[in-house]
Every structure is written in structure tokens, then in C-alpha cells.
Amino acid sequence: NKPIASIEIKYTASPKTSKGMLQSFTDLKAAFNFVITPNTDDYLIKNNIRVCNLFDFLTRYLPNITLL
């Protein structure tokens, strides 16, 4: 089994990538990586890591991931 998506949840609205987060995403080798925050704009923090709030994740991204 290979993970399709990996998620890290942060309490801050302006998350920063940490060595541990990047290593986890690298180890999991998921096609999609997300950082979920309380309220934030939707943007890429790195090439393959998207920052968004929980509502956007559940309504915009999760349905598309489950279709794969």
C-alpha cells in the first residue's frame, strides 16, 4: 500500500516548513501533501506541499484525491 496523500495540521495561520515535516513527506512519497491550518489563503509552500484550511481541503481537494 502506498499513501495517496499526507497531511500535517498546524495551529498557526502562517506555517513554515520544518526539517521533520519535509522528511515525513519525503518518506511517505505521497502524490499530494497538505498543511491544514485554521484560516489561511490557499497556496503552495513548496512545489508539492499545499497550505489550505480544513474546509477547502474537504471540499476542493479531498474529492479529487479520492477519484484517483
PDB file of N, CA and C in Angstrom:
ATOM      1  N   ASN A   1       0.827  -1.182   0.000  1.00  0.00           N
ATOM      2  CA  ASN A   1       0.000   0.000   0.000  1.00  0.00           C
ATOM      3  C   ASN A   1       0.868   1.241   0.000  1.00  0.00           C
ATOM      4  N   LYS A   2       0.481   2.195  -0.805  1.00  0.00           N
ATOM      5  CA  LYS A   2       1.195   3.457  -0.870  1.00  0.00           C
ATOM      6  C   LYS A   2       0.220   4.581  -0.538  1.00  0.00           C
ATOM      7  N   PRO A   3       0.611   5.515   0.339  1.00  0.00           N
ATOM      8  CA  PRO A   3      -0.297   6.614   0.670  1.00  0.00           C
ATOM      9  C   PRO A   3      -0.547   7.506  -0.542  1.00  0.00           C
ATOM     10  N   ILE A   4      -1.769   7.968  -0.647  1.00  0.00           N
ATOM     11  CA  ILE A   4      -2.144   8.882  -1.724  1.00  0.00           C
ATOM     12  C   ILE A   4      -1.855  10.317  -1.318  1.00  0.00           C
ATOM     13  N   ALA A   5      -2.149  10.637  -0.050  1.00  0.00           N
ATOM     14  CA  ALA A   5      -1.955  11.999   0.437  1.00  0.00           C
ATOM     15  C   ALA A   5      -1.417  11.958   1.859  1.00  0.00           C
ATOM     16  N   SER A   6      -0.639  12.970   2.199  1.00  0.00           N
ATOM     17  CA  SER A   6      -0.170  13.132   3.574  1.00  0.00           C
ATOM     18  C   SER A   6      -0.584  14.523   4.043  1.00  0.00           C
ATOM     19  N   ILE A   7      -0.865  14.603   5.344  1.00  0.00           N
ATOM     20  CA  ILE A   7      -1.407  15.838   5.916  1.00  0.00           C
ATOM     21  C   ILE A   7      -0.677  16.148   7.206  1.00  0.00           C
ATOM     22  N   GLU A   8      -0.342  17.402   7.378  1.00  0.00           N
ATOM     23  CA  GLU A   8       0.155  17.898   8.661  1.00  0.00           C
ATOM     24  C   GLU A   8      -0.788  19.015   9.087  1.00  0.00           C
ATOM     25  N   ILE A   9      -1.181  19.018  10.334  1.00  0.00           N
ATOM     26  CA  ILE A   9      -2.100  20.027  10.852  1.00  0.00           C
ATOM     27  C   ILE A   9      -1.312  20.993  11.729  1.00  0.00           C
ATOM     28  N   LYS A  10      -1.469  22.275  11.435  1.00  0.00           N
ATOM     29  CA  LYS A  10      -0.784  23.328  12.188  1.00  0.00           C
ATOM     30  C   LYS A  10      -1.831  24.286  12.759  1.00  0.00           C
ATOM     31  N   TYR A  11      -1.539  24.804  13.926  1.00  0.00           N
ATOM     32  CA  TYR A  11      -2.458  25.754  14.556  1.00  0.00           C
ATOM     33  C   TYR A  11      -2.233  27.175  14.046  1.00  0.00           C
ATOM     34  N   THR A  12      -1.075  27.464  13.516  1.00  0.00           N
ATOM     35  CA  THR A  12      -0.760  28.800  13.038  1.00  0.00           C
ATOM     36  C   THR A  12      -1.337  29.035  11.643  1.00  0.00           C
ATOM     37  N   ALA A  13      -1.638  30.282  11.343  1.00  0.00           N
ATOM     38  CA  ALA A  13      -2.158  30.627  10.019  1.00  0.00           C
ATOM     39  C   ALA A  13      -1.034  30.852   9.010  1.00  0.00           C
ATOM     40  N   SER A  14       0.191  30.916   9.475  1.00  0.00           N
ATOM     41  CA  SER A  14       1.329  31.104   8.569  1.00  0.00           C
ATOM     42  C   SER A  14       2.405  30.056   8.872  1.00  0.00           C
ATOM     43  N   PRO A  15       2.169  28.816   8.456  1.00  0.00           N
ATOM     44  CA  PRO A  15       3.100  27.736   8.782  1.00  0.00           C
ATOM     45  C   PRO A  15       4.411  27.840   8.010  1.00  0.00           C
ATOM     46  N   LYS A  16       5.427  27.307   8.617  1.00  0.00           N
ATOM     47  CA  LYS A  16       6.731  27.218   7.968  1.00  0.00           C
ATOM     48  C   LYS A  16       7.103  25.739   7.872  1.00  0.00           C
ATOM     49  N   THR A  17       7.840  25.421   6.844  1.00  0.00           N
ATOM     50  CA  THR A  17       8.274  24.035   6.711  1.00  0.00           C
ATOM     51  C   THR A  17       9.398  23.760   7.707  1.00  0.00           C
ATOM     52  N   SER A  18       9.336  22.619   8.319  1.00  0.00           N
ATOM     53  CA  SER A  18      10.393  22.200   9.234  1.00  0.00           C
ATOM     54  C   SER A  18      11.106  20.994   8.628  1.00  0.00           C
ATOM     55  N   LYS A  19      12.268  20.708   9.138  1.00  0.00           N
ATOM     56  CA  LYS A  19      13.026  19.559   8.646  1.00  0.00           C
ATOM     57  C   LYS A  19      12.220  18.270   8.838  1.00  0.00           C
ATOM     58  N   GLY A  20      11.559  18.143   9.988  1.00  0.00           N
ATOM     59  CA  GLY A  20      10.765  16.952  10.260  1.00  0.00           C
ATOM     60  C   GLY A  20       9.589  16.794   9.311  1.00  0.00           C
ATOM     61  N   MET A  21       8.908  17.908   9.015  1.00  0.00           N
ATOM     62  CA  MET A  21       7.775  17.860   8.087  1.00  0.00           C
ATOM     63  C   MET A  21       8.241  17.435   6.709  1.00  0.00           C
ATOM     64  N   LEU A  22       9.299  18.054   6.223  1.00  0.00           N
ATOM     65  CA  LEU A  22       9.813  17.718   4.891  1.00  0.00           C
ATOM     66  C   LEU A  22      10.284  16.274   4.827  1.00  0.00           C
ATOM     67  N   GLN A  23      10.926  15.805   5.888  1.00  0.00           N
ATOM     68  CA  GLN A  23      11.392  14.419   5.919  1.00  0.00           C
ATOM     69  C   GLN A  23      10.215  13.447   5.912  1.00  0.00           C
ATOM     70  N   SER A  24       9.166  13.764   6.664  1.00  0.00           N
ATOM     71  CA  SER A  24       7.967  12.910   6.691  1.00  0.00           C
ATOM     72  C   SER A  24       7.329  12.820   5.319  1.00  0.00           C
ATOM     73  N   PHE A  25       7.161  13.965   4.668  1.00  0.00           N
ATOM     74  CA  PHE A  25       6.566  13.962   3.334  1.00  0.00           C
ATOM     75  C   PHE A  25       7.445  13.186   2.351  1.00  0.00           C
ATOM     76  N   THR A  26       8.744  13.328   2.469  1.00  0.00           N
ATOM     77  CA  THR A  26       9.674  12.602   1.596  1.00  0.00           C
ATOM     78  C   THR A  26       9.587  11.097   1.839  1.00  0.00           C
ATOM     79  N   ASP A  27       9.559  10.702   3.103  1.00  0.00           N
ATOM     80  CA  ASP A  27       9.488   9.279   3.442  1.00  0.00           C
ATOM     81  C   ASP A  27       8.194   8.636   2.963  1.00  0.00           C
ATOM     82  N   LEU A  28       7.083   9.363   3.085  1.00  0.00           N
ATOM     83  CA  LEU A  28       5.780   8.804   2.693  1.00  0.00           C
ATOM     84  C   LEU A  28       5.624   8.707   1.178  1.00  0.00           C
ATOM     85  N   LYS A  29       6.282   9.587   0.448  1.00  0.00           N
ATOM     86  CA  LYS A  29       6.215   9.594  -1.020  1.00  0.00           C
ATOM     87  C   LYS A  29       4.782   9.634  -1.545  1.00  0.00           C
ATOM     88  N   ALA A  30       3.944  10.410  -0.877  1.00  0.00           N
ATOM     89  CA  ALA A  30       2.553  10.559  -1.322  1.00  0.00           C
ATOM     90  C   ALA A  30       2.501  11.513  -2.511  1.00  0.00           C
ATOM     91  N   ALA A  31       1.515  11.324  -3.350  1.00  0.00           N
ATOM     92  CA  ALA A  31       1.357  12.191  -4.518  1.00  0.00           C
ATOM     93  C   ALA A  31       0.939  13.598  -4.117  1.00  0.00           C
ATOM     94  N   PHE A  32       0.212  13.729  -3.005  1.00  0.00           N
ATOM     95  CA  PHE A  32      -0.293  15.021  -2.546  1.00  0.00           C
ATOM     96  C   PHE A  32       0.097  15.225  -1.094  1.00  0.00           C
ATOM     97  N   ASN A  33       0.575  16.431  -0.779  1.00  0.00           N
ATOM     98  CA  ASN A  33       0.965  16.776   0.587  1.00  0.00           C
ATOM     99  C   ASN A  33       0.267  18.074   0.976  1.00  0.00           C
ATOM    100  N   PHE A  34      -0.343  18.075   2.161  1.00  0.00           N
ATOM    101  CA  PHE A  34      -1.105  19.227   2.616  1.00  0.00           C
ATOM    102  C   PHE A  34      -0.696  19.639   4.014  1.00  0.00           C
ATOM    103  N   VAL A  35      -0.734  20.942   4.266  1.00  0.00           N
ATOM    104  CA  VAL A  35      -0.635  21.501   5.599  1.00  0.00           C
ATOM    105  C   VAL A  35      -1.965  22.188   5.851  1.00  0.00           C
ATOM    106  N   ILE A  36      -2.701  21.675   6.829  1.00  0.00           N
ATOM    107  CA  ILE A  36      -4.019  22.204   7.155  1.00  0.00           C
ATOM    108  C   ILE A  36      -3.865  23.217   8.280  1.00  0.00           C
ATOM    109  N   THR A  37      -4.436  24.407   8.090  1.00  0.00           N
ATOM    110  CA  THR A  37      -4.349  25.481   9.075  1.00  0.00           C
ATOM    111  C   THR A  37      -5.752  25.976   9.416  1.00  0.00           C
ATOM    112  N   PRO A  38      -5.907  26.743  10.510  1.00  0.00           N
ATOM    113  CA  PRO A  38      -7.248  27.195  10.900  1.00  0.00           C
ATOM    114  C   PRO A  38      -7.908  28.069   9.832  1.00  0.00           C
ATOM    115  N   ASN A  39      -7.283  29.134   9.462  1.00  0.00           N
ATOM    116  CA  ASN A  39      -7.803  30.052   8.438  1.00  0.00           C
ATOM    117  C   ASN A  39      -6.621  30.606   7.683  1.00  0.00           C
ATOM    118  N   THR A  40      -6.585  30.350   6.403  1.00  0.00           N
ATOM    119  CA  THR A  40      -5.465  30.847   5.605  1.00  0.00           C
ATOM    120  C   THR A  40      -5.863  30.865   4.138  1.00  0.00           C
ATOM    121  N   ASP A  41      -5.073  31.565   3.380  1.00  0.00           N
ATOM    122  CA  ASP A  41      -5.231  31.508   1.936  1.00  0.00           C
ATOM    123  C   ASP A  41      -4.740  30.143   1.465  1.00  0.00           C
ATOM    124  N   ASP A  42      -5.121  29.812   0.270  1.00  0.00           N
ATOM    125  CA  ASP A  42      -4.740  28.547  -0.339  1.00  0.00           C
ATOM    126  C   ASP A  42      -3.509  28.809  -1.211  1.00  0.00           C
ATOM    127  N   TYR A  43      -2.379  28.180  -0.877  1.00  0.00           N
ATOM    128  CA  TYR A  43      -1.163  28.429  -1.647  1.00  0.00           C
ATOM    129  C   TYR A  43      -0.199  27.254  -1.514  1.00  0.00           C
ATOM    130  N   LEU A  44       0.760  27.214  -2.430  1.00  0.00           N
ATOM    131  CA  LEU A  44       1.822  26.213  -2.365  1.00  0.00           C
ATOM    132  C   LEU A  44       2.958  26.778  -1.533  1.00  0.00           C
ATOM    133  N   ILE A  45       3.391  26.023  -0.528  1.00  0.00           N
ATOM    134  CA  ILE A  45       4.514  26.455   0.299  1.00  0.00           C
ATOM    135  C   ILE A  45       5.821  25.914  -0.277  1.00  0.00           C
ATOM    136  N   LYS A  46       5.758  24.803  -0.928  1.00  0.00           N
ATOM    137  CA  LYS A  46       6.858  24.189  -1.685  1.00  0.00           C
ATOM    138  C   LYS A  46       6.214  23.609  -2.942  1.00  0.00           C
ATOM    139  N   ASN A  47       7.009  23.055  -3.823  1.00  0.00           N
ATOM    140  CA  ASN A  47       6.473  22.543  -5.082  1.00  0.00           C
ATOM    141  C   ASN A  47       5.347  21.536  -4.906  1.00  0.00           C
ATOM    142  N   ASN A  48       5.436  20.698  -3.909  1.00  0.00           N
ATOM    143  CA  ASN A  48       4.439  19.639  -3.754  1.00  0.00           C
ATOM    144  C   ASN A  48       3.733  19.682  -2.397  1.00  0.00           C
ATOM    145  N   ILE A  49       3.735  20.848  -1.741  1.00  0.00           N
ATOM    146  CA  ILE A  49       3.070  20.988  -0.447  1.00  0.00           C
ATOM    147  C   ILE A  49       2.101  22.156  -0.502  1.00  0.00           C
ATOM    148  N   ARG A  50       0.815  21.868  -0.344  1.00  0.00           N
ATOM    149  CA  ARG A  50      -0.224  22.897  -0.396  1.00  0.00           C
ATOM    150  C   ARG A  50      -0.692  23.232   1.013  1.00  0.00           C
ATOM    151  N   VAL A  51      -0.796  24.527   1.301  1.00  0.00           N
ATOM    152  CA  VAL A  51      -1.338  25.022   2.563  1.00  0.00           C
ATOM    153  C   VAL A  51      -2.769  25.455   2.301  1.00  0.00           C
ATOM    154  N   CYS A  52      -3.695  24.986   3.126  1.00  0.00           N
ATOM    155  CA  CYS A  52      -5.091  25.389   2.995  1.00  0.00           C
ATOM    156  C   CYS A  52      -5.809  25.137   4.320  1.00  0.00           C
ATOM    157  N   ASN A  53      -7.011  25.666   4.432  1.00  0.00           N
ATOM    158  CA  ASN A  53      -7.789  25.406   5.642  1.00  0.00           C
ATOM    159  C   ASN A  53      -8.566  24.102   5.488  1.00  0.00           C
ATOM    160  N   LEU A  54      -9.137  23.635   6.565  1.00  0.00           N
ATOM    161  CA  LEU A  54      -9.818  22.339   6.559  1.00  0.00           C
ATOM    162  C   LEU A  54     -11.002  22.321   5.606  1.00  0.00           C
ATOM    163  N   PHE A  55     -11.771  23.401   5.563  1.00  0.00           N
ATOM    164  CA  PHE A  55     -12.932  23.448   4.675  1.00  0.00           C
ATOM    165  C   PHE A  55     -12.509  23.287   3.217  1.00  0.00           C
ATOM    166  N   ASP A  56     -11.482  24.039   2.803  1.00  0.00           N
ATOM    167  CA  ASP A  56     -11.013  23.917   1.417  1.00  0.00           C
ATOM    168  C   ASP A  56     -10.479  22.521   1.131  1.00  0.00           C
ATOM    169  N   PHE A  57      -9.766  21.949   2.084  1.00  0.00           N
ATOM    170  CA  PHE A  57      -9.262  20.599   1.891  1.00  0.00           C
ATOM    171  C   PHE A  57     -10.403  19.613   1.672  1.00  0.00           C
ATOM    172  N   LEU A  58     -11.428  19.692   2.516  1.00  0.00           N
ATOM    173  CA  LEU A  58     -12.538  18.735   2.429  1.00  0.00           C
ATOM    174  C   LEU A  58     -13.404  18.940   1.194  1.00  0.00           C
ATOM    175  N   THR A  59     -13.565  20.174   0.761  1.00  0.00           N
ATOM    176  CA  THR A  59     -14.472  20.440  -0.356  1.00  0.00           C
ATOM    177  C   THR A  59     -13.790  20.511  -1.716  1.00  0.00           C
ATOM    178  N   ARG A  60     -12.540  20.986  -1.762  1.00  0.00           N
ATOM    179  CA  ARG A  60     -11.871  21.178  -3.045  1.00  0.00           C
ATOM    180  C   ARG A  60     -10.883  20.075  -3.394  1.00  0.00           C
ATOM    181  N   TYR A  61     -10.145  19.584  -2.413  1.00  0.00           N
ATOM    182  CA  TYR A  61      -9.040  18.679  -2.712  1.00  0.00           C
ATOM    183  C   TYR A  61      -9.341  17.212  -2.429  1.00  0.00           C
ATOM    184  N   LEU A  62      -9.951  16.930  -1.310  1.00  0.00           N
ATOM    185  CA  LEU A  62     -10.233  15.542  -0.969  1.00  0.00           C
ATOM    186  C   LEU A  62     -11.101  14.832  -2.011  1.00  0.00           C
ATOM    187  N   PRO A  63     -12.165  15.452  -2.528  1.00  0.00           N
ATOM    188  CA  PRO A  63     -12.941  14.757  -3.568  1.00  0.00           C
ATOM    189  C   PRO A  63     -12.117  14.391  -4.799  1.00  0.00           C
ATOM    190  N   ASN A  64     -11.185  15.247  -5.186  1.00  0.00           N
ATOM    191  CA  ASN A  64     -10.345  14.960  -6.353  1.00  0.00           C
ATOM    192  C   ASN A  64      -9.321  13.879  -6.065  1.00  0.00           C
ATOM    193  N   ILE A  65      -8.836  13.817  -4.826  1.00  0.00           N
ATOM    194  CA  ILE A  65      -7.877  12.781  -4.452  1.00  0.00           C
ATOM    195  C   ILE A  65      -8.542  11.432  -4.461  1.00  0.00           C
ATOM    196  N   THR A  66      -9.754  11.343  -3.943  1.00  0.00           N
ATOM    197  CA  THR A  66     -10.433  10.055  -3.855  1.00  0.00           C
ATOM    198  C   THR A  66     -10.867   9.535  -5.221  1.00  0.00           C
ATOM    199  N   LEU A  67     -10.895  10.399  -6.236  1.00  0.00           N
ATOM    200  CA  LEU A  67     -11.243   9.948  -7.576  1.00  0.00           C
ATOM    201  C   LEU A  67     -10.086   9.234  -8.263  1.00  0.00           C
ATOM    202  N   LEU A  68      -8.886   9.420  -7.738  1.00  0.00           N
ATOM    203  CA  LEU A  68      -7.712   8.805  -8.387  1.00  0.00           C
ATOM    204  C   LEU A  68      -7.642   7.328  -8.151  1.00  0.00           C
TER     205      LEU A  68
END
